[in-house]
Amino acid sequence: MDLNLSNKEARDVKDQDLGKILEVDHNYVLIEKGTSNNDERFYIPLYLLEKYDQNTLWFRIDQEEAKNNFTVYSQSLSNFVKA
């Protein structure tokens, strides 16, 4: 997999936009959707990754699951705080 995933697109199981990739570590992907103070950030485990085509990562969850289970309130993976 391409190690430079920053700013790649993230999509859900229904092909809906989850946002842009901010960071990737060994187990998780940090995704940001929105701009300014209304940003949503999701910390999604890599085991939920379904496929990747050099431009887009598709996950086996939908937006509702992302919001309910993987919303974070931190800027980066290094200071991750899960809701």
C-alpha atoms as a PDB file:
ATOM      1  CA  MET A   1       0.000   0.000   0.000  1.00  0.00           C
ATOM      2  CA  ASP A   2       1.191   3.538  -0.781  1.00  0.00           C
ATOM      3  CA  LEU A   3       2.596   4.989   2.449  1.00  0.00           C
ATOM      4  CA  ASN A   4       1.717   8.555   1.446  1.00  0.00           C
ATOM      5  CA  LEU A   5      -2.038   8.465   2.021  1.00  0.00           C
ATOM      6  CA  SER A   6      -2.479  12.059   3.215  1.00  0.00           C
ATOM      7  CA  ASN A   7      -5.305  13.862   1.434  1.00  0.00           C
ATOM      8  CA  LYS A   8      -6.544  10.676  -0.223  1.00  0.00           C
ATOM      9  CA  GLU A   9     -10.305  10.210  -0.261  1.00  0.00           C
ATOM     10  CA  ALA A  10     -12.147   7.936   2.182  1.00  0.00           C
ATOM     11  CA  ARG A  11     -15.497   6.369   1.239  1.00  0.00           C
ATOM     12  CA  ASP A  12     -17.969   4.240   3.143  1.00  0.00           C
ATOM     13  CA  VAL A  13     -19.609   0.935   2.240  1.00  0.00           C
ATOM     14  CA  LYS A  14     -22.367   2.880   0.424  1.00  0.00           C
ATOM     15  CA  ASP A  15     -19.749   4.868  -1.566  1.00  0.00           C
ATOM     16  CA  GLN A  16     -20.534   8.016   0.441  1.00  0.00           C
ATOM     17  CA  ASP A  17     -17.780  10.499   1.268  1.00  0.00           C
ATOM     18  CA  LEU A  18     -16.201   9.967   4.706  1.00  0.00           C
ATOM     19  CA  GLY A  19     -13.630  12.739   4.185  1.00  0.00           C
ATOM     20  CA  LYS A  20      -9.899  13.095   3.559  1.00  0.00           C
ATOM     21  CA  ILE A  21      -7.143  11.032   5.108  1.00  0.00           C
ATOM     22  CA  LEU A  22      -5.072  13.046   7.592  1.00  0.00           C
ATOM     23  CA  GLU A  23      -2.827  10.354   9.077  1.00  0.00           C
ATOM     24  CA  VAL A  24      -2.262   6.618   9.058  1.00  0.00           C
ATOM     25  CA  ASP A  25      -0.517   4.550  11.698  1.00  0.00           C
ATOM     26  CA  HIS A  26      -0.057   0.779  11.950  1.00  0.00           C
ATOM     27  CA  ASN A  27      -3.634   0.123  13.064  1.00  0.00           C
ATOM     28  CA  TYR A  28      -5.803   3.166  12.367  1.00  0.00           C
ATOM     29  CA  VAL A  29      -6.659   5.855   9.832  1.00  0.00           C
ATOM     30  CA  LEU A  30      -7.516   9.418  10.897  1.00  0.00           C
ATOM     31  CA  ILE A  31     -10.082  10.942   8.530  1.00  0.00           C
ATOM     32  CA  GLU A  32     -11.387  14.505   8.499  1.00  0.00           C
ATOM     33  CA  LYS A  33     -14.653  15.611   6.937  1.00  0.00           C
ATOM     34  CA  GLY A  34     -15.644  19.246   6.660  1.00  0.00           C
ATOM     35  CA  THR A  35     -13.868  22.531   7.083  1.00  0.00           C
ATOM     36  CA  SER A  36     -13.300  25.076   9.855  1.00  0.00           C
ATOM     37  CA  ASN A  37     -14.965  24.529  13.244  1.00  0.00           C
ATOM     38  CA  ASN A  38     -17.503  22.029  11.907  1.00  0.00           C
ATOM     39  CA  ASP A  39     -14.924  19.333  11.181  1.00  0.00           C
ATOM     40  CA  GLU A  40     -15.741  15.724  11.922  1.00  0.00           C
ATOM     41  CA  ARG A  41     -12.809  13.406  12.588  1.00  0.00           C
ATOM     42  CA  PHE A  42     -12.948   9.638  12.516  1.00  0.00           C
ATOM     43  CA  TYR A  43     -10.337   7.223  13.870  1.00  0.00           C
ATOM     44  CA  ILE A  44     -11.151   4.072  11.892  1.00  0.00           C
ATOM     45  CA  PRO A  45      -9.332   0.754  12.417  1.00  0.00           C
ATOM     46  CA  LEU A  46      -7.444  -0.542   9.384  1.00  0.00           C
ATOM     47  CA  TYR A  47      -9.191  -3.923   9.672  1.00  0.00           C
ATOM     48  CA  LEU A  48     -12.308  -2.135   8.360  1.00  0.00           C
ATOM     49  CA  LEU A  49     -10.497  -1.173   5.146  1.00  0.00           C
ATOM     50  CA  GLU A  50     -12.120  -2.963   2.230  1.00  0.00           C
ATOM     51  CA  LYS A  51     -10.085  -1.756  -0.743  1.00  0.00           C
ATOM     52  CA  TYR A  52      -7.686   0.905  -1.963  1.00  0.00           C
ATOM     53  CA  ASP A  53      -7.070   2.076  -5.544  1.00  0.00           C
ATOM     54  CA  GLN A  54      -4.187   4.597  -5.163  1.00  0.00           C
ATOM     55  CA  ASN A  55      -6.704   7.495  -4.800  1.00  0.00           C
ATOM     56  CA  THR A  56      -9.477   6.240  -2.513  1.00  0.00           C
ATOM     57  CA  LEU A  57      -9.800   4.033   0.551  1.00  0.00           C
ATOM     58  CA  TRP A  58     -13.140   2.242   1.006  1.00  0.00           C
ATOM     59  CA  PHE A  59     -14.219   1.099   4.460  1.00  0.00           C
ATOM     60  CA  ARG A  60     -16.731  -1.613   5.467  1.00  0.00           C
ATOM     61  CA  ILE A  61     -18.811   0.805   7.553  1.00  0.00           C
ATOM     62  CA  ASP A  62     -21.313   3.523   6.723  1.00  0.00           C
ATOM     63  CA  GLN A  63     -21.270   7.174   7.807  1.00  0.00           C
ATOM     64  CA  GLU A  64     -23.610   6.543  10.729  1.00  0.00           C
ATOM     65  CA  GLU A  65     -21.306   3.826  12.103  1.00  0.00           C
ATOM     66  CA  ALA A  66     -18.329   6.148  11.656  1.00  0.00           C
ATOM     67  CA  LYS A  67     -20.085   8.924  13.590  1.00  0.00           C
ATOM     68  CA  ASN A  68     -21.384   6.650  16.352  1.00  0.00           C
ATOM     69  CA  ASN A  69     -18.285   4.515  16.892  1.00  0.00           C
ATOM     70  CA  PHE A  70     -15.190   6.290  15.591  1.00  0.00           C
ATOM     71  CA  THR A  71     -15.569  10.046  16.175  1.00  0.00           C
ATOM     72  CA  VAL A  72     -12.526  11.671  17.793  1.00  0.00           C
ATOM     73  CA  TYR A  73     -11.827  15.037  19.342  1.00  0.00           C
ATOM     74  CA  SER A  74      -8.109  15.374  18.692  1.00  0.00           C
ATOM     75  CA  GLN A  75      -5.927  16.792  15.925  1.00  0.00           C
ATOM     76  CA  SER A  76      -3.706  13.754  15.385  1.00  0.00           C
ATOM     77  CA  LEU A  77      -3.241  10.080  16.138  1.00  0.00           C
ATOM     78  CA  SER A  78      -0.448  10.877  18.566  1.00  0.00           C
ATOM     79  CA  ASN A  79      -2.835  12.637  20.958  1.00  0.00           C
ATOM     80  CA  PHE A  80      -5.905  10.559  20.197  1.00  0.00           C
ATOM     81  CA  VAL A  81      -8.944  10.988  22.461  1.00  0.00           C
ATOM     82  CA  LYS A  82     -11.935   8.787  21.573  1.00  0.00           C
ATOM     83  CA  ALA A  83     -15.480   9.803  22.494  1.00  0.00           C
END
